[in-house]
């Protein structure tokens, strides 16, 4: 009944919504632990994956998100803020858009 965190780590809107809210993703398939089901949401998510038109994708994901928000299958209790700091001796360290850390090019000099 809870998550410690979730992000669209792929940068794709589908990964932010489908695993958590698509009807076909009830456990154990994926992570729709609210057992949420709405045919309009399922259709919008499905159609968004079929189109390559960015404006159409945006419209469909917005439609799904608006319905999900209105129906509130979960009650958000907290939103964490990312707090980080680093030294001028640390280079190549990046905070990604999903608030994950990238250490791939990190370098610490004395």
PDB file of N, CA and C in Angstrom:
ATOM      1  N   UNK A   1       0.809  -1.188   0.000  1.00  0.00           N
ATOM      2  CA  UNK A   1       0.000   0.000   0.000  1.00  0.00           C
ATOM      3  C   UNK A   1       0.858   1.261   0.000  1.00  0.00           C
ATOM      4  N   UNK A   2       2.154   1.115  -0.163  1.00  0.00           N
ATOM      5  CA  UNK A   2       3.004   2.299  -0.156  1.00  0.00           C
ATOM      6  C   UNK A   2       4.182   2.107  -1.092  1.00  0.00           C
ATOM      7  N   UNK A   3       4.768   3.199  -1.461  1.00  0.00           N
ATOM      8  CA  UNK A   3       6.016   3.197  -2.215  1.00  0.00           C
ATOM      9  C   UNK A   3       6.975   4.127  -1.510  1.00  0.00           C
ATOM     10  N   UNK A   4       8.226   3.759  -1.514  1.00  0.00           N
ATOM     11  CA  UNK A   4       9.216   4.688  -0.976  1.00  0.00           C
ATOM     12  C   UNK A   4       9.655   5.662  -2.045  1.00  0.00           C
ATOM     13  N   UNK A   5       9.374   5.357  -3.291  1.00  0.00           N
ATOM     14  CA  UNK A   5       9.704   6.269  -4.375  1.00  0.00           C
ATOM     15  C   UNK A   5       9.482   5.629  -5.726  1.00  0.00           C
ATOM     16  N   UNK A   6       9.248   6.444  -6.716  1.00  0.00           N
ATOM     17  CA  UNK A   6       9.082   5.988  -8.090  1.00  0.00           C
ATOM     18  C   UNK A   6       9.442   7.145  -8.998  1.00  0.00           C
ATOM     19  N   UNK A   7      10.110   6.840 -10.067  1.00  0.00           N
ATOM     20  CA  UNK A   7      10.433   7.899 -11.022  1.00  0.00           C
ATOM     21  C   UNK A   7      10.382   7.347 -12.432  1.00  0.00           C
ATOM     22  N   UNK A   8      10.252   8.241 -13.358  1.00  0.00           N
ATOM     23  CA  UNK A   8      10.308   7.856 -14.771  1.00  0.00           C
ATOM     24  C   UNK A   8      11.775   7.797 -15.173  1.00  0.00           C
ATOM     25  N   UNK A   9      12.477   6.811 -14.672  1.00  0.00           N
ATOM     26  CA  UNK A   9      13.924   6.729 -14.860  1.00  0.00           C
ATOM     27  C   UNK A   9      14.335   6.628 -16.318  1.00  0.00           C
ATOM     28  N   UNK A  10      13.416   6.244 -17.184  1.00  0.00           N
ATOM     29  CA  UNK A  10      13.725   6.156 -18.610  1.00  0.00           C
ATOM     30  C   UNK A  10      13.567   7.499 -19.300  1.00  0.00           C
ATOM     31  N   UNK A  11      12.923   8.464 -18.633  1.00  0.00           N
ATOM     32  CA  UNK A  11      12.639   9.746 -19.250  1.00  0.00           C
ATOM     33  C   UNK A  11      11.388   9.714 -20.110  1.00  0.00           C
ATOM     34  N   UNK A  12      10.752   8.564 -20.203  1.00  0.00           N
ATOM     35  CA  UNK A  12       9.547   8.389 -21.024  1.00  0.00           C
ATOM     36  C   UNK A  12       8.321   8.446 -20.115  1.00  0.00           C
ATOM     37  N   UNK A  13       7.320   9.206 -20.522  1.00  0.00           N
ATOM     38  CA  UNK A  13       6.106   9.360 -19.711  1.00  0.00           C
ATOM     39  C   UNK A  13       5.431   8.025 -19.431  1.00  0.00           C
ATOM     40  N   UNK A  14       5.521   7.095 -20.372  1.00  0.00           N
ATOM     41  CA  UNK A  14       4.859   5.808 -20.174  1.00  0.00           C
ATOM     42  C   UNK A  14       5.368   5.098 -18.927  1.00  0.00           C
ATOM     43  N   UNK A  15       6.661   5.155 -18.681  1.00  0.00           N
ATOM     44  CA  UNK A  15       7.224   4.456 -17.524  1.00  0.00           C
ATOM     45  C   UNK A  15       6.812   5.123 -16.214  1.00  0.00           C
ATOM     46  N   UNK A  16       6.394   6.374 -16.273  1.00  0.00           N
ATOM     47  CA  UNK A  16       5.903   7.058 -15.076  1.00  0.00           C
ATOM     48  C   UNK A  16       4.479   6.643 -14.738  1.00  0.00           C
ATOM     49  N   UNK A  17       3.698   6.223 -15.746  1.00  0.00           N
ATOM     50  CA  UNK A  17       2.276   5.954 -15.533  1.00  0.00           C
ATOM     51  C   UNK A  17       1.885   4.486 -15.674  1.00  0.00           C
ATOM     52  N   UNK A  18       2.265   3.859 -16.759  1.00  0.00           N
ATOM     53  CA  UNK A  18       1.766   2.504 -17.052  1.00  0.00           C
ATOM     54  C   UNK A  18       2.075   1.452 -15.988  1.00  0.00           C
ATOM     55  N   UNK A  19       3.313   1.358 -15.481  1.00  0.00           N
ATOM     56  CA  UNK A  19       3.574   0.314 -14.483  1.00  0.00           C
ATOM     57  C   UNK A  19       2.723   0.443 -13.227  1.00  0.00           C
ATOM     58  N   UNK A  20       2.301   1.670 -12.920  1.00  0.00           N
ATOM     59  CA  UNK A  20       1.579   1.921 -11.675  1.00  0.00           C
ATOM     60  C   UNK A  20       0.067   1.999 -11.829  1.00  0.00           C
ATOM     61  N   UNK A  21      -0.419   2.288 -13.068  1.00  0.00           N
ATOM     62  CA  UNK A  21      -1.848   2.555 -13.217  1.00  0.00           C
ATOM     63  C   UNK A  21      -2.552   1.791 -14.329  1.00  0.00           C
ATOM     64  N   UNK A  22      -1.846   1.121 -15.216  1.00  0.00           N
ATOM     65  CA  UNK A  22      -2.500   0.352 -16.279  1.00  0.00           C
ATOM     66  C   UNK A  22      -3.104  -0.920 -15.690  1.00  0.00           C
ATOM     67  N   UNK A  23      -4.318  -1.241 -16.101  1.00  0.00           N
ATOM     68  CA  UNK A  23      -5.032  -2.405 -15.552  1.00  0.00           C
ATOM     69  C   UNK A  23      -4.259  -3.701 -15.713  1.00  0.00           C
ATOM     70  N   UNK A  24      -3.546  -3.851 -16.824  1.00  0.00           N
ATOM     71  CA  UNK A  24      -2.830  -5.105 -17.064  1.00  0.00           C
ATOM     72  C   UNK A  24      -1.568  -5.233 -16.214  1.00  0.00           C
ATOM     73  N   UNK A  25      -1.270  -4.219 -15.412  1.00  0.00           N
ATOM     74  CA  UNK A  25      -0.041  -4.245 -14.625  1.00  0.00           C
ATOM     75  C   UNK A  25      -0.258  -4.492 -13.136  1.00  0.00           C
ATOM     76  N   UNK A  26      -1.361  -5.174 -12.815  1.00  0.00           N
ATOM     77  CA  UNK A  26      -1.552  -5.590 -11.428  1.00  0.00           C
ATOM     78  C   UNK A  26      -0.459  -6.588 -11.068  1.00  0.00           C
ATOM     79  N   UNK A  27      -0.045  -6.640  -9.807  1.00  0.00           N
ATOM     80  CA  UNK A  27       0.949  -7.631  -9.404  1.00  0.00           C
ATOM     81  C   UNK A  27       0.463  -9.046  -9.720  1.00  0.00           C
ATOM     82  N   UNK A  28       1.319  -9.940 -10.089  1.00  0.00           N
ATOM     83  CA  UNK A  28       2.774  -9.814 -10.070  1.00  0.00           C
ATOM     84  C   UNK A  28       3.375  -9.290 -11.367  1.00  0.00           C
ATOM     85  N   UNK A  29       2.547  -8.862 -12.329  1.00  0.00           N
ATOM     86  CA  UNK A  29       3.078  -8.382 -13.604  1.00  0.00           C
ATOM     87  C   UNK A  29       3.968  -7.165 -13.412  1.00  0.00           C
ATOM     88  N   UNK A  30       3.430  -6.111 -12.838  1.00  0.00           N
ATOM     89  CA  UNK A  30       4.224  -4.915 -12.531  1.00  0.00           C
ATOM     90  C   UNK A  30       3.753  -4.354 -11.194  1.00  0.00           C
ATOM     91  N   UNK A  31       3.562  -3.050 -11.088  1.00  0.00           N
ATOM     92  CA  UNK A  31       3.449  -2.427  -9.767  1.00  0.00           C
ATOM     93  C   UNK A  31       2.142  -1.695  -9.501  1.00  0.00           C
ATOM     94  N   UNK A  32       1.064  -2.063 -10.172  1.00  0.00           N
ATOM     95  CA  UNK A  32      -0.233  -1.426  -9.922  1.00  0.00           C
ATOM     96  C   UNK A  32      -0.830  -2.042  -8.655  1.00  0.00           C
ATOM     97  N   UNK A  33      -0.218  -1.721  -7.523  1.00  0.00           N
ATOM     98  CA  UNK A  33      -0.620  -2.317  -6.247  1.00  0.00           C
ATOM     99  C   UNK A  33      -1.920  -1.748  -5.697  1.00  0.00           C
ATOM    100  N   UNK A  34      -2.429  -0.680  -6.302  1.00  0.00           N
ATOM    101  CA  UNK A  34      -3.748  -0.161  -5.930  1.00  0.00           C
ATOM    102  C   UNK A  34      -4.842  -0.933  -6.664  1.00  0.00           C
ATOM    103  N   UNK A  35      -4.431  -1.816  -7.582  1.00  0.00           N
ATOM    104  CA  UNK A  35      -5.366  -2.569  -8.429  1.00  0.00           C
ATOM    105  C   UNK A  35      -6.331  -1.613  -9.120  1.00  0.00           C
ATOM    106  N   UNK A  36      -5.766  -0.479  -9.521  1.00  0.00           N
ATOM    107  CA  UNK A  36      -6.514   0.561 -10.220  1.00  0.00           C
ATOM    108  C   UNK A  36      -6.883   0.067 -11.610  1.00  0.00           C
ATOM    109  N   UNK A  37      -8.112   0.381 -12.033  1.00  0.00           N
ATOM    110  CA  UNK A  37      -8.562  -0.003 -13.369  1.00  0.00           C
ATOM    111  C   UNK A  37      -9.526   1.046 -13.904  1.00  0.00           C
ATOM    112  N   UNK A  38      -9.166   1.598 -15.058  1.00  0.00           N
ATOM    113  CA  UNK A  38     -10.032   2.556 -15.727  1.00  0.00           C
ATOM    114  C   UNK A  38      -9.809   2.384 -17.229  1.00  0.00           C
ATOM    115  N   UNK A  39     -10.830   1.953 -17.970  1.00  0.00           N
ATOM    116  CA  UNK A  39     -10.677   1.727 -19.413  1.00  0.00           C
ATOM    117  C   UNK A  39     -10.209   2.962 -20.181  1.00  0.00           C
ATOM    118  N   UNK A  40     -10.617   4.160 -19.746  1.00  0.00           N
ATOM    119  CA  UNK A  40     -10.168   5.383 -20.426  1.00  0.00           C
ATOM    120  C   UNK A  40      -8.664   5.588 -20.250  1.00  0.00           C
ATOM    121  N   UNK A  41      -8.181   5.332 -19.055  1.00  0.00           N
ATOM    122  CA  UNK A  41      -6.744   5.450 -18.789  1.00  0.00           C
ATOM    123  C   UNK A  41      -5.990   4.401 -19.591  1.00  0.00           C
ATOM    124  N   UNK A  42      -6.480   3.163 -19.563  1.00  0.00           N
ATOM    125  CA  UNK A  42      -5.829   2.095 -20.325  1.00  0.00           C
ATOM    126  C   UNK A  42      -5.748   2.447 -21.804  1.00  0.00           C
ATOM    127  N   UNK A  43      -6.830   2.983 -22.346  1.00  0.00           N
ATOM    128  CA  UNK A  43      -6.860   3.345 -23.760  1.00  0.00           C
ATOM    129  C   UNK A  43      -5.881   4.485 -24.062  1.00  0.00           C
ATOM    130  N   UNK A  44      -5.874   5.508 -23.237  1.00  0.00           N
ATOM    131  CA  UNK A  44      -4.966   6.641 -23.462  1.00  0.00           C
ATOM    132  C   UNK A  44      -3.510   6.188 -23.403  1.00  0.00           C
ATOM    133  N   UNK A  45      -3.168   5.349 -22.429  1.00  0.00           N
ATOM    134  CA  UNK A  45      -1.794   4.861 -22.314  1.00  0.00           C
ATOM    135  C   UNK A  45      -1.414   3.994 -23.508  1.00  0.00           C
ATOM    136  N   UNK A  46      -2.327   3.143 -23.929  1.00  0.00           N
ATOM    137  CA  UNK A  46      -2.084   2.268 -25.075  1.00  0.00           C
ATOM    138  C   UNK A  46      -1.905   3.070 -26.363  1.00  0.00           C
ATOM    139  N   UNK A  47      -2.774   4.035 -26.583  1.00  0.00           N
ATOM    140  CA  UNK A  47      -2.702   4.853 -27.801  1.00  0.00           C
ATOM    141  C   UNK A  47      -1.441   5.725 -27.814  1.00  0.00           C
ATOM    142  N   UNK A  48      -1.014   6.180 -26.649  1.00  0.00           N
ATOM    143  CA  UNK A  48       0.193   7.008 -26.576  1.00  0.00           C
ATOM    144  C   UNK A  48       1.425   6.234 -27.030  1.00  0.00           C
ATOM    145  N   UNK A  49       1.440   4.941 -26.776  1.00  0.00           N
ATOM    146  CA  UNK A  49       2.571   4.119 -27.215  1.00  0.00           C
ATOM    147  C   UNK A  49       2.555   3.859 -28.716  1.00  0.00           C
ATOM    148  N   UNK A  50       1.409   4.012 -29.341  1.00  0.00           N
ATOM    149  CA  UNK A  50       1.276   3.717 -30.773  1.00  0.00           C
ATOM    150  C   UNK A  50       1.629   4.893 -31.671  1.00  0.00           C
ATOM    151  N   UNK A  51       1.610   6.098 -31.132  1.00  0.00           N
ATOM    152  CA  UNK A  51       1.834   7.272 -31.976  1.00  0.00           C
ATOM    153  C   UNK A  51       3.262   7.789 -31.839  1.00  0.00           C
ATOM    154  N   UNK A  52       3.754   8.369 -32.920  1.00  0.00           N
ATOM    155  CA  UNK A  52       5.061   9.021 -32.883  1.00  0.00           C
ATOM    156  C   UNK A  52       4.919  10.541 -32.878  1.00  0.00           C
ATOM    157  N   UNK A  53       3.697  11.018 -32.926  1.00  0.00           N
ATOM    158  CA  UNK A  53       3.426  12.457 -32.921  1.00  0.00           C
ATOM    159  C   UNK A  53       3.557  12.991 -31.489  1.00  0.00           C
ATOM    160  N   UNK A  54       4.560  13.831 -31.211  1.00  0.00           N
ATOM    161  CA  UNK A  54       4.782  14.322 -29.850  1.00  0.00           C
ATOM    162  C   UNK A  54       3.575  15.046 -29.251  1.00  0.00           C
ATOM    163  N   UNK A  55       2.863  15.806 -30.063  1.00  0.00           N
ATOM    164  CA  UNK A  55       1.690  16.531 -29.547  1.00  0.00           C
ATOM    165  C   UNK A  55       0.572  15.564 -29.163  1.00  0.00           C
ATOM    166  N   UNK A  56       0.381  14.534 -29.960  1.00  0.00           N
ATOM    167  CA  UNK A  56      -0.641  13.531 -29.656  1.00  0.00           C
ATOM    168  C   UNK A  56      -0.257  12.747 -28.403  1.00  0.00           C
ATOM    169  N   UNK A  57       1.030  12.379 -28.295  1.00  0.00           N
ATOM    170  CA  UNK A  57       1.512  11.680 -27.093  1.00  0.00           C
ATOM    171  C   UNK A  57       1.232  12.521 -25.848  1.00  0.00           C
ATOM    172  N   UNK A  58       1.594  13.800 -25.928  1.00  0.00           N
ATOM    173  CA  UNK A  58       1.388  14.703 -24.795  1.00  0.00           C
ATOM    174  C   UNK A  58      -0.080  14.764 -24.410  1.00  0.00           C
ATOM    175  N   UNK A  59      -0.941  14.884 -25.405  1.00  0.00           N
ATOM    176  CA  UNK A  59      -2.386  14.955 -25.158  1.00  0.00           C
ATOM    177  C   UNK A  59      -2.883  13.687 -24.456  1.00  0.00           C
ATOM    178  N   UNK A  60      -2.450  12.528 -24.930  1.00  0.00           N
ATOM    179  CA  UNK A  60      -2.913  11.255 -24.370  1.00  0.00           C
ATOM    180  C   UNK A  60      -2.382  11.032 -22.953  1.00  0.00           C
ATOM    181  N   UNK A  61      -1.105  11.322 -22.725  1.00  0.00           N
ATOM    182  CA  UNK A  61      -0.559  11.157 -21.376  1.00  0.00           C
ATOM    183  C   UNK A  61      -1.187  12.158 -20.410  1.00  0.00           C
ATOM    184  N   UNK A  62      -1.451  13.363 -20.881  1.00  0.00           N
ATOM    185  CA  UNK A  62      -2.115  14.363 -20.031  1.00  0.00           C
ATOM    186  C   UNK A  62      -3.524  13.889 -19.663  1.00  0.00           C
ATOM    187  N   UNK A  63      -4.232  13.330 -20.649  1.00  0.00           N
ATOM    188  CA  UNK A  63      -5.581  12.808 -20.398  1.00  0.00           C
ATOM    189  C   UNK A  63      -5.540  11.718 -19.326  1.00  0.00           C
ATOM    190  N   UNK A  64      -4.619  10.775 -19.484  1.00  0.00           N
ATOM    191  CA  UNK A  64      -4.494   9.697 -18.495  1.00  0.00           C
ATOM    192  C   UNK A  64      -4.145  10.264 -17.123  1.00  0.00           C
ATOM    193  N   UNK A  65      -3.185  11.160 -17.088  1.00  0.00           N
ATOM    194  CA  UNK A  65      -2.752  11.737 -15.816  1.00  0.00           C
ATOM    195  C   UNK A  65      -3.875  12.512 -15.133  1.00  0.00           C
ATOM    196  N   UNK A  66      -4.641  13.268 -15.899  1.00  0.00           N
ATOM    197  CA  UNK A  66      -5.752  14.034 -15.321  1.00  0.00           C
ATOM    198  C   UNK A  66      -6.809  13.119 -14.706  1.00  0.00           C
ATOM    199  N   UNK A  67      -7.118  12.018 -15.393  1.00  0.00           N
ATOM    200  CA  UNK A  67      -8.105  11.065 -14.862  1.00  0.00           C
ATOM    201  C   UNK A  67      -7.573  10.426 -13.583  1.00  0.00           C
ATOM    202  N   UNK A  68      -6.317   9.989 -13.626  1.00  0.00           N
ATOM    203  CA  UNK A  68      -5.704   9.352 -12.450  1.00  0.00           C
ATOM    204  C   UNK A  68      -5.711  10.321 -11.271  1.00  0.00           C
ATOM    205  N   UNK A  69      -5.327  11.557 -11.520  1.00  0.00           N
ATOM    206  CA  UNK A  69      -5.295  12.554 -10.444  1.00  0.00           C
ATOM    207  C   UNK A  69      -6.686  12.770  -9.860  1.00  0.00           C
ATOM    208  N   UNK A  70      -7.685  12.855 -10.726  1.00  0.00           N
ATOM    209  CA  UNK A  70      -9.058  13.090 -10.267  1.00  0.00           C
ATOM    210  C   UNK A  70      -9.583  11.912  -9.445  1.00  0.00           C
ATOM    211  N   UNK A  71      -9.270  10.696  -9.876  1.00  0.00           N
ATOM    212  CA  UNK A  71      -9.777   9.507  -9.181  1.00  0.00           C
ATOM    213  C   UNK A  71      -8.938   9.127  -7.962  1.00  0.00           C
ATOM    214  N   UNK A  72      -7.732   9.597  -7.884  1.00  0.00           N
ATOM    215  CA  UNK A  72      -6.839   9.389  -6.730  1.00  0.00           C
ATOM    216  C   UNK A  72      -6.821   7.959  -6.197  1.00  0.00           C
ATOM    217  N   UNK A  73      -6.285   7.007  -6.963  1.00  0.00           N
ATOM    218  CA  UNK A  73      -6.201   5.646  -6.437  1.00  0.00           C
ATOM    219  C   UNK A  73      -5.226   5.537  -5.267  1.00  0.00           C
ATOM    220  N   UNK A  74      -4.355   6.496  -5.124  1.00  0.00           N
ATOM    221  CA  UNK A  74      -3.440   6.575  -3.991  1.00  0.00           C
ATOM    222  C   UNK A  74      -3.636   7.916  -3.318  1.00  0.00           C
ATOM    223  N   UNK A  75      -3.270   7.987  -2.069  1.00  0.00           N
ATOM    224  CA  UNK A  75      -3.280   9.251  -1.343  1.00  0.00           C
ATOM    225  C   UNK A  75      -1.825   9.622  -1.071  1.00  0.00           C
ATOM    226  N   UNK A  76      -1.307  10.636  -1.779  1.00  0.00           N
ATOM    227  CA  UNK A  76       0.085  11.030  -1.537  1.00  0.00           C
ATOM    228  C   UNK A  76       0.229  11.615  -0.134  1.00  0.00           C
ATOM    229  N   UNK A  77       1.130  11.073   0.633  1.00  0.00           N
ATOM    230  CA  UNK A  77       1.327  11.542   2.000  1.00  0.00           C
ATOM    231  C   UNK A  77       2.502  12.497   2.123  1.00  0.00           C
ATOM    232  N   UNK A  78       3.474  12.337   1.251  1.00  0.00           N
ATOM    233  CA  UNK A  78       4.672  13.172   1.336  1.00  0.00           C
ATOM    234  C   UNK A  78       5.331  13.233  -0.037  1.00  0.00           C
ATOM    235  N   UNK A  79       5.946  14.344  -0.305  1.00  0.00           N
ATOM    236  CA  UNK A  79       6.776  14.487  -1.492  1.00  0.00           C
ATOM    237  C   UNK A  79       8.157  14.891  -1.003  1.00  0.00           C
ATOM    238  N   UNK A  80       9.129  14.052  -1.295  1.00  0.00           N
ATOM    239  CA  UNK A  80      10.481  14.325  -0.824  1.00  0.00           C
ATOM    240  C   UNK A  80      11.157  15.376  -1.694  1.00  0.00           C
ATOM    241  N   UNK A  81      11.983  16.172  -1.060  1.00  0.00           N
ATOM    242  CA  UNK A  81      12.825  17.113  -1.794  1.00  0.00           C
ATOM    243  C   UNK A  81      14.239  16.554  -1.784  1.00  0.00           C
ATOM    244  N   UNK A  82      14.865  16.609  -2.929  1.00  0.00           N
ATOM    245  CA  UNK A  82      16.240  16.156  -3.029  1.00  0.00           C
ATOM    246  C   UNK A  82      17.159  17.244  -2.501  1.00  0.00           C
ATOM    247  N   UNK A  83      17.996  16.876  -1.572  1.00  0.00           N
ATOM    248  CA  UNK A  83      18.978  17.801  -1.046  1.00  0.00           C
ATOM    249  C   UNK A  83      20.341  17.167  -1.266  1.00  0.00           C
ATOM    250  N   UNK A  84      21.243  17.893  -1.869  1.00  0.00           N
ATOM    251  CA  UNK A  84      22.586  17.357  -2.081  1.00  0.00           C
ATOM    252  C   UNK A  84      23.597  18.489  -2.028  1.00  0.00           C
ATOM    253  N   UNK A  85      24.819  18.124  -1.819  1.00  0.00           N
ATOM    254  CA  UNK A  85      25.911  19.087  -1.809  1.00  0.00           C
ATOM    255  C   UNK A  85      27.148  18.371  -2.327  1.00  0.00           C
ATOM    256  N   UNK A  86      28.089  19.132  -2.816  1.00  0.00           N
ATOM    257  CA  UNK A  86      29.341  18.512  -3.218  1.00  0.00           C
ATOM    258  C   UNK A  86      30.475  19.522  -3.111  1.00  0.00           C
ATOM    259  N   UNK A  87      31.650  19.005  -3.149  1.00  0.00           N
ATOM    260  CA  UNK A  87      32.852  19.811  -3.024  1.00  0.00           C
ATOM    261  C   UNK A  87      33.337  20.259  -4.394  1.00  0.00           C
ATOM    262  N   UNK A  88      34.102  21.347  -4.426  1.00  0.00           N
ATOM    263  CA  UNK A  88      34.690  21.771  -5.699  1.00  0.00           C
ATOM    264  C   UNK A  88      35.713  20.752  -6.185  1.00  0.00           C
ATOM    265  N   UNK A  89      36.105  19.826  -5.318  1.00  0.00           N
ATOM    266  CA  UNK A  89      37.028  18.759  -5.710  1.00  0.00           C
ATOM    267  C   UNK A  89      36.317  17.631  -6.452  1.00  0.00           C
ATOM    268  N   UNK A  90      35.011  17.670  -6.465  1.00  0.00           N
ATOM    269  CA  UNK A  90      34.225  16.635  -7.146  1.00  0.00           C
ATOM    270  C   UNK A  90      33.763  17.173  -8.493  1.00  0.00           C
ATOM    271  N   UNK A  91      34.134  16.486  -9.546  1.00  0.00           N
ATOM    272  CA  UNK A  91      33.704  16.875 -10.891  1.00  0.00           C
ATOM    273  C   UNK A  91      33.021  15.686 -11.555  1.00  0.00           C
ATOM    274  N   UNK A  92      32.243  15.966 -12.580  1.00  0.00           N
ATOM    275  CA  UNK A  92      31.606  14.902 -13.353  1.00  0.00           C
ATOM    276  C   UNK A  92      30.462  14.212 -12.637  1.00  0.00           C
ATOM    277  N   UNK A  93      29.973  14.796 -11.572  1.00  0.00           N
ATOM    278  CA  UNK A  93      28.851  14.241 -10.805  1.00  0.00           C
ATOM    279  C   UNK A  93      27.601  15.009 -11.194  1.00  0.00           C
ATOM    280  N   UNK A  94      26.558  14.297 -11.597  1.00  0.00           N
ATOM    281  CA  UNK A  94      25.349  14.959 -12.082  1.00  0.00           C
ATOM    282  C   UNK A  94      24.099  14.420 -11.403  1.00  0.00           C
ATOM    283  N   UNK A  95      23.143  15.310 -11.189  1.00  0.00           N
ATOM    284  CA  UNK A  95      21.822  14.905 -10.726  1.00  0.00           C
ATOM    285  C   UNK A  95      20.943  14.826 -11.965  1.00  0.00           C
ATOM    286  N   UNK A  96      20.373  13.659 -12.203  1.00  0.00           N
ATOM    287  CA  UNK A  96      19.561  13.423 -13.389  1.00  0.00           C
ATOM    288  C   UNK A  96      18.151  13.975 -13.191  1.00  0.00           C
ATOM    289  N   UNK A  97      17.397  14.150 -14.290  1.00  0.00           N
ATOM    290  CA  UNK A  97      16.041  14.706 -14.183  1.00  0.00           C
ATOM    291  C   UNK A  97      15.117  13.928 -13.250  1.00  0.00           C
ATOM    292  N   UNK A  98      15.358  12.620 -13.087  1.00  0.00           N
ATOM    293  CA  UNK A  98      14.513  11.835 -12.183  1.00  0.00           C
ATOM    294  C   UNK A  98      15.030  11.874 -10.749  1.00  0.00           C
ATOM    295  N   UNK A  99      15.981  12.738 -10.475  1.00  0.00           N
ATOM    296  CA  UNK A  99      16.642  12.956  -9.189  1.00  0.00           C
ATOM    297  C   UNK A  99      17.594  11.836  -8.799  1.00  0.00           C
ATOM    298  N   UNK A 100      17.885  10.940  -9.730  1.00  0.00           N
ATOM    299  CA  UNK A 100      18.920   9.941  -9.486  1.00  0.00           C
ATOM    300  C   UNK A 100      20.287  10.586  -9.663  1.00  0.00           C
ATOM    301  N   UNK A 101      21.310   9.909  -9.176  1.00  0.00           N
ATOM    302  CA  UNK A 101      22.668  10.428  -9.288  1.00  0.00           C
ATOM    303  C   UNK A 101      23.418   9.703 -10.391  1.00  0.00           C
ATOM    304  N   UNK A 102      24.221  10.422 -11.141  1.00  0.00           N
ATOM    305  CA  UNK A 102      25.088   9.826 -12.150  1.00  0.00           C
ATOM    306  C   UNK A 102      26.528   9.953 -11.674  1.00  0.00           C
ATOM    307  N   UNK A 103      27.142   8.809 -11.417  1.00  0.00           N
ATOM    308  CA  UNK A 103      28.534   8.773 -10.976  1.00  0.00           C
ATOM    309  C   UNK A 103      29.469   8.320 -12.094  1.00  0.00           C
ATOM    310  N   UNK A 104      28.934   8.123 -13.302  1.00  0.00           N
ATOM    311  CA  UNK A 104      29.710   7.542 -14.397  1.00  0.00           C
ATOM    312  C   UNK A 104      30.981   8.317 -14.707  1.00  0.00           C
ATOM    313  N   UNK A 105      30.937   9.633 -14.616  1.00  0.00           N
ATOM    314  CA  UNK A 105      32.113  10.438 -14.935  1.00  0.00           C
ATOM    315  C   UNK A 105      32.647  11.172 -13.705  1.00  0.00           C
ATOM    316  N   UNK A 106      32.243  10.718 -12.535  1.00  0.00           N
ATOM    317  CA  UNK A 106      32.655  11.399 -11.307  1.00  0.00           C
ATOM    318  C   UNK A 106      34.146  11.219 -11.060  1.00  0.00           C
ATOM    319  N   UNK A 107      34.759  12.286 -10.573  1.00  0.00           N
ATOM    320  CA  UNK A 107      36.180  12.258 -10.256  1.00  0.00           C
ATOM    321  C   UNK A 107      36.404  13.137  -9.032  1.00  0.00           C
ATOM    322  N   UNK A 108      37.121  12.604  -8.070  1.00  0.00           N
ATOM    323  CA  UNK A 108      37.415  13.337  -6.844  1.00  0.00           C
ATOM    324  C   UNK A 108      38.911  13.594  -6.801  1.00  0.00           C
ATOM    325  N   UNK A 109      39.289  14.853  -6.770  1.00  0.00           N
ATOM    326  CA  UNK A 109      40.705  15.204  -6.721  1.00  0.00           C
ATOM    327  C   UNK A 109      41.035  15.789  -5.355  1.00  0.00           C
ATOM    328  N   UNK A 110      42.261  15.545  -4.891  1.00  0.00           N
ATOM    329  CA  UNK A 110      42.656  16.074  -3.571  1.00  0.00           C
ATOM    330  C   UNK A 110      42.755  17.586  -3.542  1.00  0.00           C
TER     331      UNK A 110
END
